[in-house]
Amino acid sequence: MSVLVLGLGNALMGDDAFGVRAVEALLSRFRPLEGVRMLDGGTLGLDLLPRLEAVEHLLIIDALEMGAAAGTVFRLEGEEVPRAFAHKLSVHQMGVQDLLAVAELQGYLPRELVVWGVQPQSVEMGLELSPPVYGALTEVIAGVEGELAGWGFALAP
């Protein structure tokens, strides 16, 4: 059984970096577990396809344009996931749609797919998350921790 926690986003574009920052926080707070990989996927899109081989559970963390208040946290699964990436916040999200489609065609699509996302406030050049999005990190990290525990992988500090 293997799990991939994939943080996505452009670290130079403010709140778009949410997924990347969340994975950085997870890696700094928890010990690595056998069978669980945490990856800063940046804006790689289809280049991530080889990373999906033999992955049974895929957990994506990203900023999502959902038309909600900045900092609102979303948990999506299954069929909800492709629809969430239909409203492209940035170029890398088109790559996510392509990645999932090609993974399915090649038989690599994980049996379980969950996205933890946050509504961004600002996707402009900058290295910092906006205050409402930064504030959502704690909730998303707790959600990811709970998700992994539900899959049989309890994180240890």
N, C-alpha and C. Protein backbone atom coordinates (compact mmCIF):
# COMPACT_ATOMS: atom_id res chain seq x y z
N MET A 1 0.85 -1.17 0.00
CA MET A 1 0.00 0.00 0.00
C MET A 1 0.89 1.23 0.00
N SER A 2 0.63 2.19 -0.89
CA SER A 2 1.43 3.40 -0.89
C SER A 2 0.55 4.63 -1.03
N VAL A 3 1.06 5.70 -0.44
CA VAL A 3 0.35 6.98 -0.41
C VAL A 3 1.28 8.04 -0.96
N LEU A 4 0.72 8.93 -1.78
CA LEU A 4 1.46 10.10 -2.24
C LEU A 4 0.69 11.33 -1.82
N VAL A 5 1.34 12.19 -1.02
CA VAL A 5 0.80 13.49 -0.66
C VAL A 5 1.52 14.48 -1.56
N LEU A 6 0.76 15.12 -2.44
CA LEU A 6 1.32 15.95 -3.50
C LEU A 6 0.88 17.40 -3.32
N GLY A 7 1.84 18.25 -2.99
CA GLY A 7 1.57 19.68 -2.86
C GLY A 7 1.85 20.36 -4.18
N LEU A 8 0.88 21.13 -4.67
CA LEU A 8 1.02 21.78 -5.97
C LEU A 8 0.99 23.30 -5.83
N GLY A 9 1.61 23.97 -6.79
CA GLY A 9 1.54 25.42 -6.84
C GLY A 9 2.85 26.06 -7.23
N ASN A 10 2.74 27.33 -7.54
CA ASN A 10 3.88 28.13 -7.94
C ASN A 10 4.34 28.94 -6.74
N ALA A 11 5.51 28.64 -6.23
CA ALA A 11 6.02 29.27 -5.01
C ALA A 11 6.29 30.77 -5.18
N LEU A 12 6.24 31.27 -6.40
CA LEU A 12 6.49 32.69 -6.66
C LEU A 12 5.21 33.50 -6.82
N MET A 13 4.06 32.84 -6.69
CA MET A 13 2.78 33.50 -6.99
C MET A 13 1.83 33.54 -5.79
N GLY A 14 2.31 34.01 -4.66
CA GLY A 14 1.45 34.23 -3.50
C GLY A 14 0.69 33.00 -3.07
N ASP A 15 -0.63 33.10 -3.01
CA ASP A 15 -1.47 32.01 -2.50
C ASP A 15 -1.46 30.76 -3.38
N ASP A 16 -1.01 30.91 -4.62
CA ASP A 16 -0.91 29.73 -5.49
C ASP A 16 0.07 28.70 -4.90
N ALA A 17 0.95 29.15 -4.03
CA ALA A 17 1.95 28.27 -3.41
C ALA A 17 1.40 27.47 -2.24
N PHE A 18 0.10 27.53 -1.98
CA PHE A 18 -0.46 26.89 -0.79
C PHE A 18 -0.08 25.41 -0.68
N GLY A 19 -0.22 24.65 -1.73
CA GLY A 19 0.08 23.22 -1.68
C GLY A 19 1.54 22.95 -1.36
N VAL A 20 2.41 23.75 -1.96
CA VAL A 20 3.85 23.62 -1.72
C VAL A 20 4.16 23.93 -0.25
N ARG A 21 3.59 25.02 0.26
CA ARG A 21 3.83 25.41 1.66
C ARG A 21 3.26 24.38 2.64
N ALA A 22 2.13 23.79 2.29
CA ALA A 22 1.54 22.76 3.17
C ALA A 22 2.43 21.53 3.25
N VAL A 23 2.99 21.09 2.14
CA VAL A 23 3.90 19.94 2.16
C VAL A 23 5.16 20.28 2.94
N GLU A 24 5.68 21.49 2.76
CA GLU A 24 6.85 21.91 3.55
C GLU A 24 6.54 21.82 5.04
N ALA A 25 5.36 22.29 5.44
CA ALA A 25 4.97 22.25 6.86
C ALA A 25 4.84 20.82 7.35
N LEU A 26 4.25 19.95 6.54
CA LEU A 26 4.11 18.54 6.92
C LEU A 26 5.48 17.89 7.11
N LEU A 27 6.38 18.15 6.18
CA LEU A 27 7.71 17.56 6.27
C LEU A 27 8.50 18.08 7.46
N SER A 28 8.24 19.31 7.88
CA SER A 28 8.97 19.86 9.02
C SER A 28 8.38 19.40 10.36
N ARG A 29 7.11 18.96 10.36
CA ARG A 29 6.45 18.61 11.62
C ARG A 29 6.39 17.11 11.89
N PHE A 30 6.48 16.29 10.84
CA PHE A 30 6.26 14.85 11.02
C PHE A 30 7.41 14.04 10.46
N ARG A 31 7.66 12.89 11.10
CA ARG A 31 8.66 11.95 10.60
C ARG A 31 8.13 11.25 9.36
N PRO A 32 8.99 10.93 8.41
CA PRO A 32 8.54 10.17 7.24
C PRO A 32 8.04 8.79 7.65
N LEU A 33 7.04 8.31 6.98
CA LEU A 33 6.49 6.98 7.24
C LEU A 33 6.76 6.07 6.05
N GLU A 34 7.00 4.81 6.33
CA GLU A 34 7.15 3.86 5.25
C GLU A 34 5.82 3.75 4.51
N GLY A 35 5.87 3.84 3.21
CA GLY A 35 4.67 3.75 2.39
C GLY A 35 4.01 5.09 2.11
N VAL A 36 4.54 6.18 2.69
CA VAL A 36 3.98 7.51 2.46
C VAL A 36 5.08 8.42 1.90
N ARG A 37 4.81 8.99 0.74
CA ARG A 37 5.74 9.97 0.17
C ARG A 37 5.06 11.33 0.17
N MET A 38 5.80 12.35 0.54
CA MET A 38 5.30 13.73 0.47
C MET A 38 6.18 14.45 -0.54
N LEU A 39 5.52 15.08 -1.51
CA LEU A 39 6.26 15.64 -2.65
C LEU A 39 5.78 17.04 -2.97
N ASP A 40 6.73 17.94 -3.13
CA ASP A 40 6.47 19.27 -3.67
C ASP A 40 6.43 19.09 -5.18
N GLY A 41 5.22 19.05 -5.73
CA GLY A 41 5.05 18.85 -7.16
C GLY A 41 5.12 20.14 -7.95
N GLY A 42 5.20 21.27 -7.25
CA GLY A 42 5.32 22.56 -7.92
C GLY A 42 4.30 22.73 -9.03
N THR A 43 4.79 22.95 -10.24
CA THR A 43 3.93 23.15 -11.41
C THR A 43 4.24 22.11 -12.49
N LEU A 44 4.66 20.92 -12.07
CA LEU A 44 5.19 19.94 -13.01
C LEU A 44 4.17 19.26 -13.93
N GLY A 45 2.91 19.19 -13.56
CA GLY A 45 1.90 18.60 -14.44
C GLY A 45 2.21 17.17 -14.84
N LEU A 46 2.26 16.92 -16.16
CA LEU A 46 2.45 15.56 -16.67
C LEU A 46 3.79 14.94 -16.27
N ASP A 47 4.76 15.77 -15.92
CA ASP A 47 6.05 15.23 -15.47
C ASP A 47 5.91 14.42 -14.20
N LEU A 48 4.78 14.55 -13.51
CA LEU A 48 4.54 13.80 -12.27
C LEU A 48 4.00 12.39 -12.53
N LEU A 49 3.67 12.08 -13.77
CA LEU A 49 3.05 10.79 -14.08
C LEU A 49 3.83 9.59 -13.53
N PRO A 50 5.15 9.51 -13.69
CA PRO A 50 5.88 8.35 -13.14
C PRO A 50 5.73 8.22 -11.62
N ARG A 51 5.48 9.32 -10.93
CA ARG A 51 5.32 9.29 -9.47
C ARG A 51 4.02 8.62 -9.04
N LEU A 52 3.07 8.46 -9.98
CA LEU A 52 1.78 7.86 -9.64
C LEU A 52 1.77 6.34 -9.76
N GLU A 53 2.82 5.78 -10.36
CA GLU A 53 2.88 4.33 -10.48
C GLU A 53 2.89 3.70 -9.10
N ALA A 54 2.07 2.70 -8.89
CA ALA A 54 1.98 1.93 -7.64
C ALA A 54 1.44 2.75 -6.46
N VAL A 55 0.88 3.92 -6.71
CA VAL A 55 0.26 4.71 -5.65
C VAL A 55 -1.20 4.29 -5.53
N GLU A 56 -1.62 3.92 -4.33
CA GLU A 56 -3.00 3.51 -4.10
C GLU A 56 -3.87 4.66 -3.61
N HIS A 57 -3.26 5.58 -2.86
CA HIS A 57 -3.97 6.73 -2.31
C HIS A 57 -3.21 7.99 -2.72
N LEU A 58 -3.90 8.89 -3.41
CA LEU A 58 -3.31 10.15 -3.82
C LEU A 58 -4.04 11.28 -3.11
N LEU A 59 -3.28 12.09 -2.39
CA LEU A 59 -3.83 13.24 -1.69
C LEU A 59 -3.14 14.48 -2.25
N ILE A 60 -3.91 15.33 -2.91
CA ILE A 60 -3.39 16.55 -3.52
C ILE A 60 -3.75 17.73 -2.61
N ILE A 61 -2.80 18.63 -2.42
CA ILE A 61 -3.04 19.87 -1.69
C ILE A 61 -2.76 21.01 -2.65
N ASP A 62 -3.75 21.94 -2.78
CA ASP A 62 -3.60 23.01 -3.76
C ASP A 62 -4.52 24.17 -3.43
N ALA A 63 -4.24 25.31 -4.03
CA ALA A 63 -5.16 26.45 -3.98
C ALA A 63 -6.20 26.20 -5.07
N LEU A 64 -7.47 26.40 -4.74
CA LEU A 64 -8.57 26.12 -5.68
C LEU A 64 -9.49 27.33 -5.80
N GLU A 65 -9.80 27.68 -7.02
CA GLU A 65 -10.76 28.76 -7.25
C GLU A 65 -12.16 28.17 -7.18
N MET A 66 -12.84 28.42 -6.07
CA MET A 66 -14.18 27.86 -5.86
C MET A 66 -15.23 28.96 -5.65
N GLY A 67 -14.83 30.23 -5.80
CA GLY A 67 -15.77 31.32 -5.64
C GLY A 67 -16.20 31.54 -4.20
N ALA A 68 -15.37 31.17 -3.25
CA ALA A 68 -15.70 31.30 -1.82
C ALA A 68 -14.84 32.40 -1.20
N ALA A 69 -15.04 32.63 0.08
CA ALA A 69 -14.22 33.60 0.81
C ALA A 69 -12.78 33.09 0.91
N ALA A 70 -11.83 34.02 0.80
CA ALA A 70 -10.41 33.65 0.91
C ALA A 70 -10.16 32.90 2.21
N GLY A 71 -9.42 31.81 2.11
CA GLY A 71 -9.10 31.00 3.28
C GLY A 71 -10.07 29.87 3.54
N THR A 72 -11.17 29.79 2.77
CA THR A 72 -12.12 28.70 2.93
C THR A 72 -11.45 27.39 2.52
N VAL A 73 -11.59 26.37 3.34
CA VAL A 73 -10.97 25.07 3.10
C VAL A 73 -11.98 24.12 2.46
N PHE A 74 -11.50 23.33 1.50
CA PHE A 74 -12.33 22.36 0.80
C PHE A 74 -11.69 20.98 0.87
N ARG A 75 -12.53 19.98 1.00
CA ARG A 75 -12.10 18.59 0.87
C ARG A 75 -12.94 17.97 -0.23
N LEU A 76 -12.29 17.50 -1.26
CA LEU A 76 -12.98 16.91 -2.41
C LEU A 76 -12.46 15.51 -2.64
N GLU A 77 -13.31 14.66 -3.19
CA GLU A 77 -12.86 13.30 -3.50
C GLU A 77 -13.55 12.80 -4.76
N GLY A 78 -12.97 11.76 -5.32
CA GLY A 78 -13.56 11.08 -6.47
C GLY A 78 -13.91 12.00 -7.62
N GLU A 79 -15.17 11.95 -8.03
CA GLU A 79 -15.65 12.69 -9.19
C GLU A 79 -15.62 14.21 -9.00
N GLU A 80 -15.57 14.67 -7.76
CA GLU A 80 -15.51 16.11 -7.49
C GLU A 80 -14.17 16.70 -7.91
N VAL A 81 -13.14 15.89 -7.95
CA VAL A 81 -11.78 16.39 -8.17
C VAL A 81 -11.61 17.00 -9.55
N PRO A 82 -11.93 16.31 -10.65
CA PRO A 82 -11.74 16.94 -11.96
C PRO A 82 -12.54 18.24 -12.11
N ARG A 83 -13.73 18.30 -11.54
CA ARG A 83 -14.53 19.53 -11.63
C ARG A 83 -13.84 20.69 -10.91
N ALA A 84 -13.16 20.41 -9.81
CA ALA A 84 -12.48 21.48 -9.06
C ALA A 84 -11.36 22.09 -9.88
N PHE A 85 -10.71 21.29 -10.71
CA PHE A 85 -9.61 21.79 -11.52
C PHE A 85 -10.09 22.35 -12.85
N ALA A 86 -11.39 22.33 -13.10
CA ALA A 86 -11.94 22.91 -14.32
C ALA A 86 -11.88 24.44 -14.26
N HIS A 87 -11.97 25.02 -13.07
CA HIS A 87 -11.84 26.47 -12.89
C HIS A 87 -10.38 26.77 -12.61
N LYS A 88 -9.62 26.94 -13.66
CA LYS A 88 -8.18 27.05 -13.53
C LYS A 88 -7.76 28.33 -12.82
N LEU A 89 -7.02 28.14 -11.76
CA LEU A 89 -6.45 29.26 -11.02
C LEU A 89 -5.12 29.64 -11.66
N SER A 90 -4.39 28.64 -12.10
CA SER A 90 -3.10 28.88 -12.74
C SER A 90 -2.82 27.76 -13.73
N VAL A 91 -1.76 27.94 -14.49
CA VAL A 91 -1.42 27.00 -15.56
C VAL A 91 -1.23 25.58 -15.05
N HIS A 92 -0.67 25.41 -13.83
CA HIS A 92 -0.38 24.05 -13.36
C HIS A 92 -1.65 23.23 -13.19
N GLN A 93 -2.80 23.89 -13.00
CA GLN A 93 -4.02 23.11 -12.79
C GLN A 93 -4.50 22.43 -14.07
N MET A 94 -4.22 23.01 -15.22
CA MET A 94 -4.49 22.31 -16.47
C MET A 94 -3.65 21.04 -16.50
N GLY A 95 -2.42 21.14 -16.02
CA GLY A 95 -1.54 19.98 -15.95
C GLY A 95 -2.08 18.90 -15.04
N VAL A 96 -2.78 19.28 -13.97
CA VAL A 96 -3.37 18.29 -13.06
C VAL A 96 -4.48 17.53 -13.77
N GLN A 97 -5.33 18.24 -14.50
CA GLN A 97 -6.39 17.57 -15.25
C GLN A 97 -5.79 16.57 -16.23
N ASP A 98 -4.77 17.00 -16.96
CA ASP A 98 -4.10 16.12 -17.91
C ASP A 98 -3.44 14.94 -17.21
N LEU A 99 -2.78 15.21 -16.09
CA LEU A 99 -2.11 14.17 -15.32
C LEU A 99 -3.09 13.08 -14.91
N LEU A 100 -4.23 13.46 -14.37
CA LEU A 100 -5.21 12.48 -13.91
C LEU A 100 -5.82 11.72 -15.08
N ALA A 101 -6.05 12.40 -16.20
CA ALA A 101 -6.61 11.74 -17.37
C ALA A 101 -5.64 10.71 -17.94
N VAL A 102 -4.38 11.09 -18.08
CA VAL A 102 -3.38 10.16 -18.62
C VAL A 102 -3.13 9.01 -17.64
N ALA A 103 -3.10 9.31 -16.35
CA ALA A 103 -2.92 8.26 -15.35
C ALA A 103 -4.05 7.24 -15.46
N GLU A 104 -5.27 7.71 -15.67
CA GLU A 104 -6.39 6.78 -15.82
C GLU A 104 -6.24 5.94 -17.08
N LEU A 105 -5.85 6.56 -18.18
CA LEU A 105 -5.66 5.83 -19.43
C LEU A 105 -4.57 4.76 -19.32
N GLN A 106 -3.53 5.05 -18.55
CA GLN A 106 -2.42 4.12 -18.41
C GLN A 106 -2.60 3.15 -17.24
N GLY A 107 -3.72 3.27 -16.54
CA GLY A 107 -3.98 2.36 -15.44
C GLY A 107 -3.26 2.71 -14.16
N TYR A 108 -2.80 3.96 -14.02
CA TYR A 108 -2.09 4.41 -12.83
C TYR A 108 -2.96 5.18 -11.86
N LEU A 109 -4.20 5.46 -12.22
CA LEU A 109 -5.02 6.30 -11.36
C LEU A 109 -5.22 5.60 -10.02
N PRO A 110 -4.81 6.26 -8.93
CA PRO A 110 -4.95 5.64 -7.62
C PRO A 110 -6.41 5.32 -7.31
N ARG A 111 -6.63 4.27 -6.53
CA ARG A 111 -8.01 3.87 -6.23
C ARG A 111 -8.70 4.88 -5.34
N GLU A 112 -7.94 5.68 -4.62
CA GLU A 112 -8.51 6.72 -3.77
C GLU A 112 -7.82 8.05 -4.10
N LEU A 113 -8.64 9.07 -4.38
CA LEU A 113 -8.14 10.38 -4.75
C LEU A 113 -8.87 11.43 -3.93
N VAL A 114 -8.09 12.21 -3.17
CA VAL A 114 -8.65 13.25 -2.30
C VAL A 114 -7.86 14.53 -2.53
N VAL A 115 -8.57 15.65 -2.55
CA VAL A 115 -7.92 16.96 -2.65
C VAL A 115 -8.31 17.79 -1.44
N TRP A 116 -7.30 18.35 -0.80
CA TRP A 116 -7.51 19.36 0.25
C TRP A 116 -7.06 20.67 -0.37
N GLY A 117 -7.97 21.63 -0.41
CA GLY A 117 -7.65 22.90 -1.04
C GLY A 117 -8.14 24.07 -0.25
N VAL A 118 -7.68 25.24 -0.66
CA VAL A 118 -8.08 26.49 -0.02
C VAL A 118 -8.36 27.53 -1.09
N GLN A 119 -9.35 28.35 -0.82
CA GLN A 119 -9.67 29.46 -1.72
C GLN A 119 -8.61 30.55 -1.54
N PRO A 120 -7.90 30.92 -2.62
CA PRO A 120 -6.88 31.95 -2.50
C PRO A 120 -7.47 33.35 -2.43
N GLN A 121 -6.68 34.26 -1.90
CA GLN A 121 -7.04 35.67 -1.91
C GLN A 121 -6.30 36.38 -3.04
N SER A 122 -5.00 36.06 -3.18
CA SER A 122 -4.17 36.76 -4.14
C SER A 122 -3.24 35.78 -4.86
N VAL A 123 -3.32 35.80 -6.18
CA VAL A 123 -2.41 34.98 -6.99
C VAL A 123 -1.61 35.94 -7.86
N GLU A 124 -0.80 36.71 -7.19
CA GLU A 124 0.08 37.67 -7.85
C GLU A 124 1.50 37.42 -7.38
N MET A 125 2.45 37.98 -8.11
CA MET A 125 3.85 37.78 -7.77
C MET A 125 4.10 38.10 -6.30
N GLY A 126 4.66 37.14 -5.59
CA GLY A 126 4.97 37.32 -4.17
C GLY A 126 5.34 35.99 -3.55
N LEU A 127 6.09 36.05 -2.47
CA LEU A 127 6.58 34.83 -1.82
C LEU A 127 5.77 34.43 -0.59
N GLU A 128 4.87 35.28 -0.13
CA GLU A 128 4.12 35.03 1.09
C GLU A 128 2.66 34.66 0.79
N LEU A 129 2.10 33.81 1.65
CA LEU A 129 0.67 33.53 1.59
C LEU A 129 -0.07 34.70 2.24
N SER A 130 -1.26 35.01 1.74
CA SER A 130 -2.08 36.04 2.37
C SER A 130 -2.51 35.56 3.75
N PRO A 131 -2.84 36.47 4.68
CA PRO A 131 -3.23 36.05 6.03
C PRO A 131 -4.36 35.01 6.10
N PRO A 132 -5.47 35.16 5.32
CA PRO A 132 -6.52 34.13 5.45
C PRO A 132 -6.07 32.76 4.94
N VAL A 133 -5.24 32.74 3.92
CA VAL A 133 -4.76 31.47 3.37
C VAL A 133 -3.73 30.85 4.30
N TYR A 134 -2.84 31.67 4.84
CA TYR A 134 -1.88 31.17 5.82
C TYR A 134 -2.62 30.57 7.02
N GLY A 135 -3.68 31.23 7.44
CA GLY A 135 -4.48 30.74 8.57
C GLY A 135 -5.14 29.39 8.31
N ALA A 136 -5.35 29.06 7.04
CA ALA A 136 -5.97 27.78 6.68
C ALA A 136 -5.00 26.61 6.75
N LEU A 137 -3.70 26.90 6.83
CA LEU A 137 -2.70 25.82 6.87
C LEU A 137 -2.95 24.84 8.00
N THR A 138 -3.26 25.34 9.18
CA THR A 138 -3.47 24.47 10.34
C THR A 138 -4.61 23.49 10.09
N GLU A 139 -5.73 23.98 9.56
CA GLU A 139 -6.88 23.13 9.29
C GLU A 139 -6.57 22.08 8.23
N VAL A 140 -5.86 22.48 7.19
CA VAL A 140 -5.54 21.54 6.12
C VAL A 140 -4.55 20.49 6.61
N ILE A 141 -3.55 20.90 7.37
CA ILE A 141 -2.58 19.92 7.89
C ILE A 141 -3.29 18.92 8.80
N ALA A 142 -4.20 19.39 9.64
CA ALA A 142 -4.97 18.48 10.50
C ALA A 142 -5.84 17.55 9.64
N GLY A 143 -6.41 18.08 8.57
CA GLY A 143 -7.22 17.25 7.67
C GLY A 143 -6.40 16.19 6.98
N VAL A 144 -5.22 16.55 6.53
CA VAL A 144 -4.32 15.59 5.88
C VAL A 144 -3.89 14.53 6.88
N GLU A 145 -3.57 14.96 8.09
CA GLU A 145 -3.18 14.01 9.14
C GLU A 145 -4.31 13.02 9.40
N GLY A 146 -5.55 13.50 9.48
CA GLY A 146 -6.70 12.63 9.68
C GLY A 146 -6.95 11.70 8.50
N GLU A 147 -6.76 12.22 7.31
CA GLU A 147 -6.93 11.42 6.09
C GLU A 147 -5.95 10.26 6.09
N LEU A 148 -4.68 10.57 6.38
CA LEU A 148 -3.66 9.52 6.40
C LEU A 148 -3.95 8.49 7.49
N ALA A 149 -4.39 8.95 8.64
CA ALA A 149 -4.73 8.01 9.73
C ALA A 149 -5.87 7.10 9.28
N GLY A 150 -6.85 7.65 8.58
CA GLY A 150 -7.96 6.85 8.06
C GLY A 150 -7.51 5.80 7.06
N TRP A 151 -6.41 6.06 6.39
CA TRP A 151 -5.85 5.10 5.44
C TRP A 151 -4.87 4.15 6.12
N GLY A 152 -4.70 4.29 7.43
CA GLY A 152 -3.81 3.39 8.17
C GLY A 152 -2.39 3.91 8.35
N PHE A 153 -2.18 5.21 8.16
CA PHE A 153 -0.85 5.79 8.29
C PHE A 153 -0.90 6.92 9.29
N ALA A 154 -0.59 6.65 10.55
CA ALA A 154 -0.62 7.67 11.59
C ALA A 154 0.72 8.40 11.61
N LEU A 155 0.68 9.72 11.42
CA LEU A 155 1.90 10.52 11.44
C LEU A 155 2.40 10.70 12.87
N ALA A 156 3.72 10.68 13.02
CA ALA A 156 4.32 10.90 14.33
C ALA A 156 5.20 12.15 14.25
N PRO A 157 5.13 13.01 15.28
CA PRO A 157 5.96 14.24 15.29
C PRO A 157 7.43 13.93 15.22
